[in-house]
Amino acid sequence: MSKGQPVVEPALGQAGSAPVPAERTGRWARALLVFPVGMLIVFFVVPLIMLVVVSFYRNIPGAGWEPAFTLENYVRAFSRGLYRDRLVYTLEISVLNAVLCLLAGYPFTYFLVRLASPFWRKLGLTLAIGTLWLTYVVRSYAWSVLLSATSGIGQVFAWLGLTDRPVGYAPGPVATVVGLMYVFLPFMILSLYGSLKAIDPSMEEASMNLGARPWRTFVHVVLPLSLPGAAAGAVMVFLLTMGNYVVPSILGQPAQWTMPVIITNQVMNESNVPFGAAMSVILLAVLGLLAYGTGRLVGTARVHPYAGSRVAVDGGERR
């Protein structure tokens, strides 16, 4: 190299090795996606297609079913009041459970997030979601014992004088609602925790410093900012309740049986697989439509990051 000749520095990323071609990177990315996509097709798409196909088969009592395209299973599901009533009841109890979990989970999570000590926050969250370590079956049978007339809550109510004698609530509608709420409340708490934790406490302080009362600060600042988490938790609890089989079958009477229990009864006890498949397709269609509609509704909602500014000023003017 001649003296005074400028030294050319190697380009960044070229020291010792050539850059990997984009084509090779794309091939590796596609190869890595083959396994998860294949698993999704094998364990989700194929069974779903088989479920839809079997729903059009004809059931032969005592001899299984035959592959014949017929709509009689769907006609039976929509023409008989029993199955329509069970579908409506499933929707009603799912909405009720989502509302109850939201009403119970919101104040608990708000109090948990506002704790000053990180240790107590983590402990409270661990205790709240600790029930998820047990299966639905164990928790449902535990509530069946607690809500029976011979032990648990019925005895406590009688001892306190709230009832003349120990009253059993299981199996029955009260036990079904309590069991569903107990099972799915942790999902609501988890959804709300992230949403409430992300709210900057200085926004509440600014609102109250400008003269807004605490309830106005909560309604116009905290509640709108936590709405996405509340909506996501409500949708999740609703969908999980719609598909739950264990709790209604253990804690409920036949009048409290939901669609999953009816479907299981048709397949396991009546051996009518095509009719059970048809009701499963109907339930999946309802769930899909509700999930899509709720997702569109939640997705179109946009919360302004300074929602509390105008409210705080208004609150100060209206004191």
C-alpha atoms as a PDB file:
ATOM      1  CA  MET A   1       0.000   0.000   0.000  1.00  0.00           C
ATOM      2  CA  SER A   2       1.483   3.327  -1.064  1.00  0.00           C
ATOM      3  CA  LYS A   3       1.972   6.023   1.485  1.00  0.00           C
ATOM      4  CA  GLY A   4      -0.898   8.461   1.636  1.00  0.00           C
ATOM      5  CA  GLN A   5      -3.384   6.062  -0.010  1.00  0.00           C
ATOM      6  CA  PRO A   6      -6.721   6.100   1.887  1.00  0.00           C
ATOM      7  CA  VAL A   7      -7.548   3.030   3.908  1.00  0.00           C
ATOM      8  CA  VAL A   8     -10.881   1.443   3.024  1.00  0.00           C
ATOM      9  CA  GLU A   9     -12.671   0.112   6.099  1.00  0.00           C
ATOM     10  CA  PRO A  10     -14.642  -3.114   5.669  1.00  0.00           C
ATOM     11  CA  ALA A  11     -18.393  -2.663   5.639  1.00  0.00           C
ATOM     12  CA  LEU A  12     -20.317  -3.520   8.778  1.00  0.00           C
ATOM     13  CA  GLY A  13     -21.325  -7.179   8.845  1.00  0.00           C
ATOM     14  CA  GLN A  14     -18.627  -8.215   6.277  1.00  0.00           C
ATOM     15  CA  ALA A  15     -15.804  -8.967   8.718  1.00  0.00           C
ATOM     16  CA  GLY A  16     -14.697 -12.513   8.074  1.00  0.00           C
ATOM     17  CA  SER A  17     -17.918 -13.818   6.518  1.00  0.00           C
ATOM     18  CA  ALA A  18     -20.223 -13.130   3.619  1.00  0.00           C
ATOM     19  CA  PRO A  19     -23.830 -12.120   4.289  1.00  0.00           C
ATOM     20  CA  VAL A  20     -26.399 -14.901   4.239  1.00  0.00           C
ATOM     21  CA  PRO A  21     -28.482 -14.737   1.059  1.00  0.00           C
ATOM     22  CA  ALA A  22     -32.083 -13.679   1.560  1.00  0.00           C
ATOM     23  CA  GLU A  23     -33.273 -16.718  -0.394  1.00  0.00           C
ATOM     24  CA  ARG A  24     -31.587 -19.095   2.056  1.00  0.00           C
ATOM     25  CA  THR A  25     -33.053 -17.234   5.038  1.00  0.00           C
ATOM     26  CA  GLY A  26     -36.510 -17.447   3.488  1.00  0.00           C
ATOM     27  CA  ARG A  27     -36.138 -21.197   2.928  1.00  0.00           C
ATOM     28  CA  TRP A  28     -35.126 -21.747   6.556  1.00  0.00           C
ATOM     29  CA  ALA A  29     -38.071 -19.670   7.767  1.00  0.00           C
ATOM     30  CA  ARG A  30     -40.497 -21.694   5.650  1.00  0.00           C
ATOM     31  CA  ALA A  31     -38.935 -24.950   6.825  1.00  0.00           C
ATOM     32  CA  LEU A  32     -39.341 -23.957  10.469  1.00  0.00           C
ATOM     33  CA  LEU A  33     -43.027 -23.236   9.865  1.00  0.00           C
ATOM     34  CA  VAL A  34     -43.728 -26.666   8.385  1.00  0.00           C
ATOM     35  CA  PHE A  35     -43.918 -28.454  11.741  1.00  0.00           C
ATOM     36  CA  PRO A  36     -46.310 -26.082  13.586  1.00  0.00           C
ATOM     37  CA  VAL A  37     -48.506 -25.689  10.514  1.00  0.00           C
ATOM     38  CA  GLY A  38     -48.587 -29.459  10.085  1.00  0.00           C
ATOM     39  CA  MET A  39     -49.536 -29.933  13.737  1.00  0.00           C
ATOM     40  CA  LEU A  40     -52.305 -27.361  13.345  1.00  0.00           C
ATOM     41  CA  ILE A  41     -53.672 -29.138  10.287  1.00  0.00           C
ATOM     42  CA  VAL A  42     -53.488 -32.620  11.815  1.00  0.00           C
ATOM     43  CA  PHE A  43     -54.919 -31.805  15.236  1.00  0.00           C
ATOM     44  CA  PHE A  44     -57.322 -28.971  14.392  1.00  0.00           C
ATOM     45  CA  VAL A  45     -58.295 -28.652  10.739  1.00  0.00           C
ATOM     46  CA  VAL A  46     -58.697 -32.362   9.967  1.00  0.00           C
ATOM     47  CA  PRO A  47     -60.802 -33.163  13.086  1.00  0.00           C
ATOM     48  CA  LEU A  48     -62.960 -30.113  12.388  1.00  0.00           C
ATOM     49  CA  ILE A  49     -63.585 -31.254   8.820  1.00  0.00           C
ATOM     50  CA  MET A  50     -64.397 -34.760  10.051  1.00  0.00           C
ATOM     51  CA  LEU A  51     -66.828 -33.304  12.605  1.00  0.00           C
ATOM     52  CA  VAL A  52     -68.668 -31.362   9.909  1.00  0.00           C
ATOM     53  CA  VAL A  53     -68.778 -34.388   7.592  1.00  0.00           C
ATOM     54  CA  VAL A  54     -70.096 -36.758  10.287  1.00  0.00           C
ATOM     55  CA  SER A  55     -72.812 -34.251  11.204  1.00  0.00           C
ATOM     56  CA  PHE A  56     -74.469 -35.041   7.857  1.00  0.00           C
ATOM     57  CA  TYR A  57     -74.415 -38.822   8.422  1.00  0.00           C
ATOM     58  CA  ARG A  58     -77.518 -40.829   9.297  1.00  0.00           C
ATOM     59  CA  ASN A  59     -77.660 -42.570  12.654  1.00  0.00           C
ATOM     60  CA  ILE A  60     -78.707 -46.235  12.727  1.00  0.00           C
ATOM     61  CA  PRO A  61     -79.853 -47.249  16.240  1.00  0.00           C
ATOM     62  CA  GLY A  62     -77.833 -50.199  17.459  1.00  0.00           C
ATOM     63  CA  ALA A  63     -75.647 -50.284  14.346  1.00  0.00           C
ATOM     64  CA  GLY A  64     -73.693 -47.032  14.355  1.00  0.00           C
ATOM     65  CA  TRP A  65     -74.162 -44.666  11.433  1.00  0.00           C
ATOM     66  CA  GLU A  66     -73.955 -44.641   7.664  1.00  0.00           C
ATOM     67  CA  PRO A  67     -72.331 -42.047   5.375  1.00  0.00           C
ATOM     68  CA  ALA A  68     -75.387 -40.449   3.818  1.00  0.00           C
ATOM     69  CA  PHE A  69     -75.820 -36.739   3.213  1.00  0.00           C
ATOM     70  CA  THR A  70     -78.856 -35.715   5.252  1.00  0.00           C
ATOM     71  CA  LEU A  71     -79.996 -32.618   7.110  1.00  0.00           C
ATOM     72  CA  GLU A  72     -82.159 -34.493   9.593  1.00  0.00           C
ATOM     73  CA  ASN A  73     -79.685 -33.955  12.438  1.00  0.00           C
ATOM     74  CA  TYR A  74     -79.800 -30.180  12.008  1.00  0.00           C
ATOM     75  CA  VAL A  75     -83.576 -30.229  11.537  1.00  0.00           C
ATOM     76  CA  ARG A  76     -83.932 -32.154  14.787  1.00  0.00           C
ATOM     77  CA  ALA A  77     -81.641 -29.753  16.647  1.00  0.00           C
ATOM     78  CA  PHE A  78     -83.592 -26.670  15.551  1.00  0.00           C
ATOM     79  CA  SER A  79     -87.112 -28.140  15.568  1.00  0.00           C
ATOM     80  CA  ARG A  80     -87.164 -29.546  19.100  1.00  0.00           C
ATOM     81  CA  GLY A  81     -87.621 -27.062  21.904  1.00  0.00           C
ATOM     82  CA  LEU A  82     -85.365 -29.003  24.276  1.00  0.00           C
ATOM     83  CA  TYR A  83     -82.219 -28.341  22.286  1.00  0.00           C
ATOM     84  CA  ARG A  84     -83.132 -24.743  21.490  1.00  0.00           C
ATOM     85  CA  ASP A  85     -83.755 -24.122  25.182  1.00  0.00           C
ATOM     86  CA  ARG A  86     -80.411 -25.692  26.114  1.00  0.00           C
ATOM     87  CA  LEU A  87     -78.611 -23.453  23.620  1.00  0.00           C
ATOM     88  CA  VAL A  88     -80.353 -20.349  24.976  1.00  0.00           C
ATOM     89  CA  TYR A  89     -79.619 -21.433  28.553  1.00  0.00           C
ATOM     90  CA  THR A  90     -75.958 -21.959  27.682  1.00  0.00           C
ATOM     91  CA  LEU A  91     -75.760 -18.432  26.284  1.00  0.00           C
ATOM     92  CA  GLU A  92     -77.539 -16.983  29.323  1.00  0.00           C
ATOM     93  CA  ILE A  93     -75.379 -18.679  31.944  1.00  0.00           C
ATOM     94  CA  SER A  94     -72.231 -17.793  29.985  1.00  0.00           C
ATOM     95  CA  VAL A  95     -73.186 -14.111  29.925  1.00  0.00           C
ATOM     96  CA  LEU A  96     -74.119 -14.245  33.623  1.00  0.00           C
ATOM     97  CA  ASN A  97     -70.815 -15.838  34.547  1.00  0.00           C
ATOM     98  CA  ALA A  98     -68.843 -13.281  32.534  1.00  0.00           C
ATOM     99  CA  VAL A  99     -70.669 -10.407  34.260  1.00  0.00           C
ATOM    100  CA  LEU A 100     -70.240 -11.899  37.749  1.00  0.00           C
ATOM    101  CA  CYS A 101     -66.541 -12.560  37.179  1.00  0.00           C
ATOM    102  CA  LEU A 102     -66.087  -8.988  35.965  1.00  0.00           C
ATOM    103  CA  LEU A 103     -67.937  -7.522  38.961  1.00  0.00           C
ATOM    104  CA  ALA A 104     -65.947  -9.637  41.408  1.00  0.00           C
ATOM    105  CA  GLY A 105     -62.592  -9.506  39.658  1.00  0.00           C
ATOM    106  CA  TYR A 106     -62.388  -5.784  38.905  1.00  0.00           C
ATOM    107  CA  PRO A 107     -62.337  -4.391  42.482  1.00  0.00           C
ATOM    108  CA  PHE A 108     -60.051  -7.188  43.652  1.00  0.00           C
ATOM    109  CA  THR A 109     -57.570  -6.595  40.824  1.00  0.00           C
ATOM    110  CA  TYR A 110     -57.721  -2.816  41.241  1.00  0.00           C
ATOM    111  CA  PHE A 111     -56.925  -3.148  44.939  1.00  0.00           C
ATOM    112  CA  LEU A 112     -54.160  -5.641  44.141  1.00  0.00           C
ATOM    113  CA  VAL A 113     -52.501  -3.362  41.589  1.00  0.00           C
ATOM    114  CA  ARG A 114     -52.608  -0.383  43.950  1.00  0.00           C
ATOM    115  CA  LEU A 115     -50.766  -2.197  46.749  1.00  0.00           C
ATOM    116  CA  ALA A 116     -47.518  -0.409  47.533  1.00  0.00           C
ATOM    117  CA  SER A 117     -45.503  -3.540  48.303  1.00  0.00           C
ATOM    118  CA  PRO A 118     -44.461  -5.682  45.301  1.00  0.00           C
ATOM    119  CA  PHE A 119     -44.285  -8.683  47.630  1.00  0.00           C
ATOM    120  CA  TRP A 120     -47.964  -8.442  48.581  1.00  0.00           C
ATOM    121  CA  ARG A 121     -48.953  -7.852  44.951  1.00  0.00           C
ATOM    122  CA  LYS A 122     -47.171 -11.000  43.827  1.00  0.00           C
ATOM    123  CA  LEU A 123     -48.548 -12.979  46.756  1.00  0.00           C
ATOM    124  CA  GLY A 124     -52.100 -11.839  46.071  1.00  0.00           C
ATOM    125  CA  LEU A 125     -51.814 -12.653  42.371  1.00  0.00           C
ATOM    126  CA  THR A 126     -50.340 -16.071  43.170  1.00  0.00           C
ATOM    127  CA  LEU A 127     -53.178 -16.874  45.562  1.00  0.00           C
ATOM    128  CA  ALA A 128     -55.752 -15.676  43.033  1.00  0.00           C
ATOM    129  CA  ILE A 129     -54.496 -17.884  40.218  1.00  0.00           C
ATOM    130  CA  GLY A 130     -53.403 -20.757  42.462  1.00  0.00           C
ATOM    131  CA  THR A 131     -56.700 -22.537  41.886  1.00  0.00           C
ATOM    132  CA  LEU A 132     -55.646 -23.135  38.278  1.00  0.00           C
ATOM    133  CA  TRP A 133     -53.188 -25.724  39.557  1.00  0.00           C
ATOM    134  CA  LEU A 134     -56.120 -28.047  40.277  1.00  0.00           C
ATOM    135  CA  THR A 135     -58.324 -29.632  37.642  1.00  0.00           C
ATOM    136  CA  TYR A 136     -61.948 -28.694  37.027  1.00  0.00           C
ATOM    137  CA  VAL A 137     -63.070 -32.065  38.365  1.00  0.00           C
ATOM    138  CA  VAL A 138     -61.399 -31.689  41.768  1.00  0.00           C
ATOM    139  CA  ARG A 139     -62.653 -28.138  42.246  1.00  0.00           C
ATOM    140  CA  SER A 140     -66.189 -29.041  41.174  1.00  0.00           C
ATOM    141  CA  TYR A 141     -66.405 -31.977  43.576  1.00  0.00           C
ATOM    142  CA  ALA A 142     -65.029 -29.758  46.352  1.00  0.00           C
ATOM    143  CA  TRP A 143     -67.866 -27.297  45.815  1.00  0.00           C
ATOM    144  CA  SER A 144     -70.407 -30.126  45.699  1.00  0.00           C
ATOM    145  CA  VAL A 145     -69.312 -31.027  49.232  1.00  0.00           C
ATOM    146  CA  LEU A 146     -69.258 -27.438  50.497  1.00  0.00           C
ATOM    147  CA  LEU A 147     -72.713 -26.682  49.086  1.00  0.00           C
ATOM    148  CA  SER A 148     -74.355 -29.890  50.307  1.00  0.00           C
ATOM    149  CA  ALA A 149     -76.901 -29.914  53.144  1.00  0.00           C
ATOM    150  CA  THR A 150     -74.805 -32.132  55.404  1.00  0.00           C
ATOM    151  CA  SER A 151     -71.629 -30.060  55.448  1.00  0.00           C
ATOM    152  CA  GLY A 152     -70.088 -26.762  54.547  1.00  0.00           C
ATOM    153  CA  ILE A 153     -71.981 -23.619  53.695  1.00  0.00           C
ATOM    154  CA  GLY A 154     -75.455 -24.980  54.473  1.00  0.00           C
ATOM    155  CA  GLN A 155     -74.400 -25.752  58.041  1.00  0.00           C
ATOM    156  CA  VAL A 156     -72.846 -22.300  58.454  1.00  0.00           C
ATOM    157  CA  PHE A 157     -76.009 -20.558  57.249  1.00  0.00           C
ATOM    158  CA  ALA A 158     -78.120 -22.588  59.685  1.00  0.00           C
ATOM    159  CA  TRP A 159     -75.719 -21.825  62.559  1.00  0.00           C
ATOM    160  CA  LEU A 160     -75.904 -18.098  61.783  1.00  0.00           C
ATOM    161  CA  GLY A 161     -79.698 -18.263  61.762  1.00  0.00           C
ATOM    162  CA  LEU A 162     -80.026 -17.362  58.096  1.00  0.00           C
ATOM    163  CA  THR A 163     -81.978 -20.580  57.454  1.00  0.00           C
ATOM    164  CA  ASP A 164     -84.153 -22.753  59.685  1.00  0.00           C
ATOM    165  CA  ARG A 165     -82.225 -25.870  58.790  1.00  0.00           C
ATOM    166  CA  PRO A 166     -79.187 -26.772  56.686  1.00  0.00           C
ATOM    167  CA  VAL A 167     -80.059 -26.271  53.038  1.00  0.00           C
ATOM    168  CA  GLY A 168     -78.238 -28.013  50.219  1.00  0.00           C
ATOM    169  CA  TYR A 169     -77.449 -26.057  47.071  1.00  0.00           C
ATOM    170  CA  ALA A 170     -75.739 -28.818  45.119  1.00  0.00           C
ATOM    171  CA  PRO A 171     -76.703 -29.991  42.641  1.00  0.00           C
ATOM    172  CA  GLY A 172     -78.690 -27.003  41.469  1.00  0.00           C
ATOM    173  CA  PRO A 173     -78.545 -23.598  39.768  1.00  0.00           C
ATOM    174  CA  VAL A 174     -76.785 -21.865  42.675  1.00  0.00           C
ATOM    175  CA  ALA A 175     -74.031 -24.470  42.764  1.00  0.00           C
ATOM    176  CA  THR A 176     -73.617 -24.275  38.991  1.00  0.00           C
ATOM    177  CA  VAL A 177     -73.180 -20.492  38.990  1.00  0.00           C
ATOM    178  CA  VAL A 178     -70.842 -20.550  42.005  1.00  0.00           C
ATOM    179  CA  GLY A 179     -68.733 -23.320  40.486  1.00  0.00           C
ATOM    180  CA  LEU A 180     -68.424 -21.615  37.103  1.00  0.00           C
ATOM    181  CA  MET A 181     -67.511 -18.320  38.721  1.00  0.00           C
ATOM    182  CA  TYR A 182     -64.893 -19.957  40.928  1.00  0.00           C
ATOM    183  CA  VAL A 183     -63.341 -21.823  38.007  1.00  0.00           C
ATOM    184  CA  PHE A 184     -63.068 -18.898  35.575  1.00  0.00           C
ATOM    185  CA  LEU A 185     -62.518 -15.923  37.900  1.00  0.00           C
ATOM    186  CA  PRO A 186     -58.688 -16.313  37.723  1.00  0.00           C
ATOM    187  CA  PHE A 187     -58.798 -15.774  33.950  1.00  0.00           C
ATOM    188  CA  MET A 188     -60.628 -12.489  34.469  1.00  0.00           C
ATOM    189  CA  ILE A 189     -58.127 -11.401  37.132  1.00  0.00           C
ATOM    190  CA  LEU A 190     -55.176 -12.152  34.858  1.00  0.00           C
ATOM    191  CA  SER A 191     -56.707 -10.168  32.014  1.00  0.00           C
ATOM    192  CA  LEU A 192     -57.535  -7.195  34.235  1.00  0.00           C
ATOM    193  CA  TYR A 193     -54.188  -7.210  36.023  1.00  0.00           C
ATOM    194  CA  GLY A 194     -52.152  -6.372  32.941  1.00  0.00           C
ATOM    195  CA  SER A 195     -54.587  -3.669  31.849  1.00  0.00           C
ATOM    196  CA  LEU A 196     -54.783  -1.959  35.250  1.00  0.00           C
ATOM    197  CA  LYS A 197     -51.043  -2.307  35.875  1.00  0.00           C
ATOM    198  CA  ALA A 198     -50.310  -0.421  32.651  1.00  0.00           C
ATOM    199  CA  ILE A 199     -52.246   2.680  33.783  1.00  0.00           C
ATOM    200  CA  ASP A 200     -49.900   5.424  34.952  1.00  0.00           C
ATOM    201  CA  PRO A 201     -50.877   6.403  38.538  1.00  0.00           C
ATOM    202  CA  SER A 202     -49.878   9.992  37.752  1.00  0.00           C
ATOM    203  CA  MET A 203     -52.964  10.296  35.535  1.00  0.00           C
ATOM    204  CA  GLU A 204     -55.217   9.628  38.524  1.00  0.00           C
ATOM    205  CA  GLU A 205     -53.192  12.043  40.643  1.00  0.00           C
ATOM    206  CA  ALA A 206     -53.427  14.733  37.974  1.00  0.00           C
ATOM    207  CA  SER A 207     -57.179  14.274  37.712  1.00  0.00           C
ATOM    208  CA  MET A 208     -57.691  14.625  41.466  1.00  0.00           C
ATOM    209  CA  ASN A 209     -55.243  17.542  41.677  1.00  0.00           C
ATOM    210  CA  LEU A 210     -57.391  19.362  39.127  1.00  0.00           C
ATOM    211  CA  GLY A 211     -60.414  18.945  41.370  1.00  0.00           C
ATOM    212  CA  ALA A 212     -62.092  15.728  40.209  1.00  0.00           C
ATOM    213  CA  ARG A 213     -63.560  13.579  42.927  1.00  0.00           C
ATOM    214  CA  PRO A 214     -62.266   9.990  43.268  1.00  0.00           C
ATOM    215  CA  TRP A 215     -65.388   8.453  41.757  1.00  0.00           C
ATOM    216  CA  ARG A 216     -65.177  10.760  38.720  1.00  0.00           C
ATOM    217  CA  THR A 217     -61.506   9.917  38.322  1.00  0.00           C
ATOM    218  CA  PHE A 218     -62.322   6.227  38.382  1.00  0.00           C
ATOM    219  CA  VAL A 219     -65.278   6.453  35.992  1.00  0.00           C
ATOM    220  CA  HIS A 220     -63.662   8.773  33.443  1.00  0.00           C
ATOM    221  CA  VAL A 221     -59.967   7.873  33.702  1.00  0.00           C
ATOM    222  CA  VAL A 222     -59.355   4.392  35.122  1.00  0.00           C
ATOM    223  CA  LEU A 223     -62.395   2.638  33.679  1.00  0.00           C
ATOM    224  CA  PRO A 224     -61.909   3.733  30.038  1.00  0.00           C
ATOM    225  CA  LEU A 225     -58.202   2.903  30.116  1.00  0.00           C
ATOM    226  CA  SER A 226     -58.882  -0.557  31.561  1.00  0.00           C
ATOM    227  CA  LEU A 227     -61.759  -1.310  29.199  1.00  0.00           C
ATOM    228  CA  PRO A 228     -59.692  -3.409  26.735  1.00  0.00           C
ATOM    229  CA  GLY A 229     -58.570  -5.749  29.521  1.00  0.00           C
ATOM    230  CA  ALA A 230     -62.083  -5.977  30.942  1.00  0.00           C
ATOM    231  CA  ALA A 231     -63.560  -6.722  27.523  1.00  0.00           C
ATOM    232  CA  ALA A 232     -60.912  -9.341  26.753  1.00  0.00           C
ATOM    233  CA  GLY A 233     -61.474 -11.016  30.117  1.00  0.00           C
ATOM    234  CA  ALA A 234     -65.248 -11.026  29.670  1.00  0.00           C
ATOM    235  CA  VAL A 235     -64.979 -12.554  26.200  1.00  0.00           C
ATOM    236  CA  MET A 236     -62.534 -15.196  27.416  1.00  0.00           C
ATOM    237  CA  VAL A 237     -64.725 -16.162  30.386  1.00  0.00           C
ATOM    238  CA  PHE A 238     -67.808 -16.248  28.160  1.00  0.00           C
ATOM    239  CA  LEU A 239     -66.208 -18.543  25.586  1.00  0.00           C
ATOM    240  CA  LEU A 240     -64.722 -20.852  28.224  1.00  0.00           C
ATOM    241  CA  THR A 241     -68.082 -21.122  29.981  1.00  0.00           C
ATOM    242  CA  MET A 242     -69.845 -21.922  26.713  1.00  0.00           C
ATOM    243  CA  GLY A 243     -67.572 -24.901  26.168  1.00  0.00           C
ATOM    244  CA  ASN A 244     -67.356 -26.135  29.755  1.00  0.00           C
ATOM    245  CA  TYR A 245     -68.688 -29.616  30.439  1.00  0.00           C
ATOM    246  CA  VAL A 246     -67.354 -30.571  33.872  1.00  0.00           C
ATOM    247  CA  VAL A 247     -68.955 -27.955  36.138  1.00  0.00           C
ATOM    248  CA  PRO A 248     -72.574 -28.187  34.863  1.00  0.00           C
ATOM    249  CA  SER A 249     -72.446 -31.984  34.808  1.00  0.00           C
ATOM    250  CA  ILE A 250     -71.204 -32.239  38.425  1.00  0.00           C
ATOM    251  CA  LEU A 251     -72.871 -29.261  40.107  1.00  0.00           C
ATOM    252  CA  GLY A 252     -76.027 -28.996  38.004  1.00  0.00           C
ATOM    253  CA  GLN A 253     -79.231 -30.958  37.617  1.00  0.00           C
ATOM    254  CA  PRO A 254     -80.569 -31.847  34.146  1.00  0.00           C
ATOM    255  CA  ALA A 255     -82.315 -28.460  34.122  1.00  0.00           C
ATOM    256  CA  GLN A 256     -78.890 -26.798  34.395  1.00  0.00           C
ATOM    257  CA  TRP A 257     -77.177 -28.904  31.749  1.00  0.00           C
ATOM    258  CA  THR A 258     -75.517 -26.867  29.042  1.00  0.00           C
ATOM    259  CA  MET A 259     -74.932 -27.761  25.405  1.00  0.00           C
ATOM    260  CA  PRO A 260     -71.590 -29.551  26.022  1.00  0.00           C
ATOM    261  CA  VAL A 261     -73.322 -31.844  28.535  1.00  0.00           C
ATOM    262  CA  ILE A 262     -76.156 -32.582  26.081  1.00  0.00           C
ATOM    263  CA  ILE A 263     -73.642 -33.315  23.321  1.00  0.00           C
ATOM    264  CA  THR A 264     -71.664 -35.684  25.544  1.00  0.00           C
ATOM    265  CA  ASN A 265     -74.867 -37.452  26.559  1.00  0.00           C
ATOM    266  CA  GLN A 266     -75.835 -37.979  22.922  1.00  0.00           C
ATOM    267  CA  VAL A 267     -72.440 -39.424  22.023  1.00  0.00           C
ATOM    268  CA  MET A 268     -71.656 -41.484  25.142  1.00  0.00           C
ATOM    269  CA  ASN A 269     -75.092 -42.637  26.325  1.00  0.00           C
ATOM    270  CA  GLU A 270     -77.314 -42.481  23.240  1.00  0.00           C
ATOM    271  CA  SER A 271     -74.539 -43.512  20.802  1.00  0.00           C
ATOM    272  CA  ASN A 272     -75.887 -40.925  18.358  1.00  0.00           C
ATOM    273  CA  VAL A 273     -72.608 -39.556  17.064  1.00  0.00           C
ATOM    274  CA  PRO A 274     -74.014 -37.759  13.971  1.00  0.00           C
ATOM    275  CA  PHE A 275     -76.518 -35.800  16.054  1.00  0.00           C
ATOM    276  CA  GLY A 276     -73.848 -34.954  18.616  1.00  0.00           C
ATOM    277  CA  ALA A 277     -71.602 -33.775  15.783  1.00  0.00           C
ATOM    278  CA  ALA A 278     -74.396 -31.590  14.378  1.00  0.00           C
ATOM    279  CA  MET A 279     -74.972 -29.917  17.747  1.00  0.00           C
ATOM    280  CA  SER A 280     -71.216 -29.430  18.095  1.00  0.00           C
ATOM    281  CA  VAL A 281     -71.091 -27.676  14.722  1.00  0.00           C
ATOM    282  CA  ILE A 282     -73.988 -25.433  15.767  1.00  0.00           C
ATOM    283  CA  LEU A 283     -72.241 -24.574  19.033  1.00  0.00           C
ATOM    284  CA  LEU A 284     -68.964 -23.857  17.228  1.00  0.00           C
ATOM    285  CA  ALA A 285     -70.773 -21.645  14.716  1.00  0.00           C
ATOM    286  CA  VAL A 286     -72.438 -19.649  17.495  1.00  0.00           C
ATOM    287  CA  LEU A 287     -69.120 -19.301  19.333  1.00  0.00           C
ATOM    288  CA  GLY A 288     -67.353 -18.203  16.161  1.00  0.00           C
ATOM    289  CA  LEU A 289     -69.963 -15.565  15.332  1.00  0.00           C
ATOM    290  CA  LEU A 290     -69.969 -14.207  18.872  1.00  0.00           C
ATOM    291  CA  ALA A 291     -66.170 -14.139  19.038  1.00  0.00           C
ATOM    292  CA  TYR A 292     -65.953 -12.361  15.677  1.00  0.00           C
ATOM    293  CA  GLY A 293     -68.614  -9.812  16.580  1.00  0.00           C
ATOM    294  CA  THR A 294     -67.097  -9.118  19.981  1.00  0.00           C
ATOM    295  CA  GLY A 295     -63.626  -8.807  18.471  1.00  0.00           C
ATOM    296  CA  ARG A 296     -64.881  -6.261  15.956  1.00  0.00           C
ATOM    297  CA  LEU A 297     -66.672  -4.346  18.701  1.00  0.00           C
ATOM    298  CA  VAL A 298     -63.635  -4.266  20.975  1.00  0.00           C
ATOM    299  CA  GLY A 299     -61.247  -3.566  18.105  1.00  0.00           C
ATOM    300  CA  THR A 300     -63.132  -0.470  16.962  1.00  0.00           C
ATOM    301  CA  ALA A 301     -63.006   1.088  20.444  1.00  0.00           C
ATOM    302  CA  ARG A 302     -60.151   3.560  20.774  1.00  0.00           C
ATOM    303  CA  VAL A 303     -59.335   5.154  24.128  1.00  0.00           C
ATOM    304  CA  HIS A 304     -57.637   8.565  24.027  1.00  0.00           C
ATOM    305  CA  PRO A 305     -54.424   8.527  26.103  1.00  0.00           C
ATOM    306  CA  TYR A 306     -55.437  11.767  27.833  1.00  0.00           C
ATOM    307  CA  ALA A 307     -59.009  10.786  28.634  1.00  0.00           C
ATOM    308  CA  GLY A 308     -58.726  12.228  32.117  1.00  0.00           C
ATOM    309  CA  SER A 309     -57.670  15.744  31.153  1.00  0.00           C
ATOM    310  CA  ARG A 310     -61.056  17.169  30.202  1.00  0.00           C
ATOM    311  CA  VAL A 311     -62.835  15.219  32.916  1.00  0.00           C
ATOM    312  CA  ALA A 312     -60.504  16.502  35.611  1.00  0.00           C
ATOM    313  CA  VAL A 313     -61.057  20.085  34.533  1.00  0.00           C
ATOM    314  CA  ASP A 314     -64.821  19.547  34.359  1.00  0.00           C
ATOM    315  CA  GLY A 315     -64.741  18.006  37.804  1.00  0.00           C
ATOM    316  CA  GLY A 316     -62.904  21.027  39.155  1.00  0.00           C
ATOM    317  CA  GLU A 317     -65.458  23.398  37.657  1.00  0.00           C
ATOM    318  CA  ARG A 318     -68.443  21.465  39.006  1.00  0.00           C
ATOM    319  CA  ARG A 319     -67.370  21.090  42.593  1.00  0.00           C
END
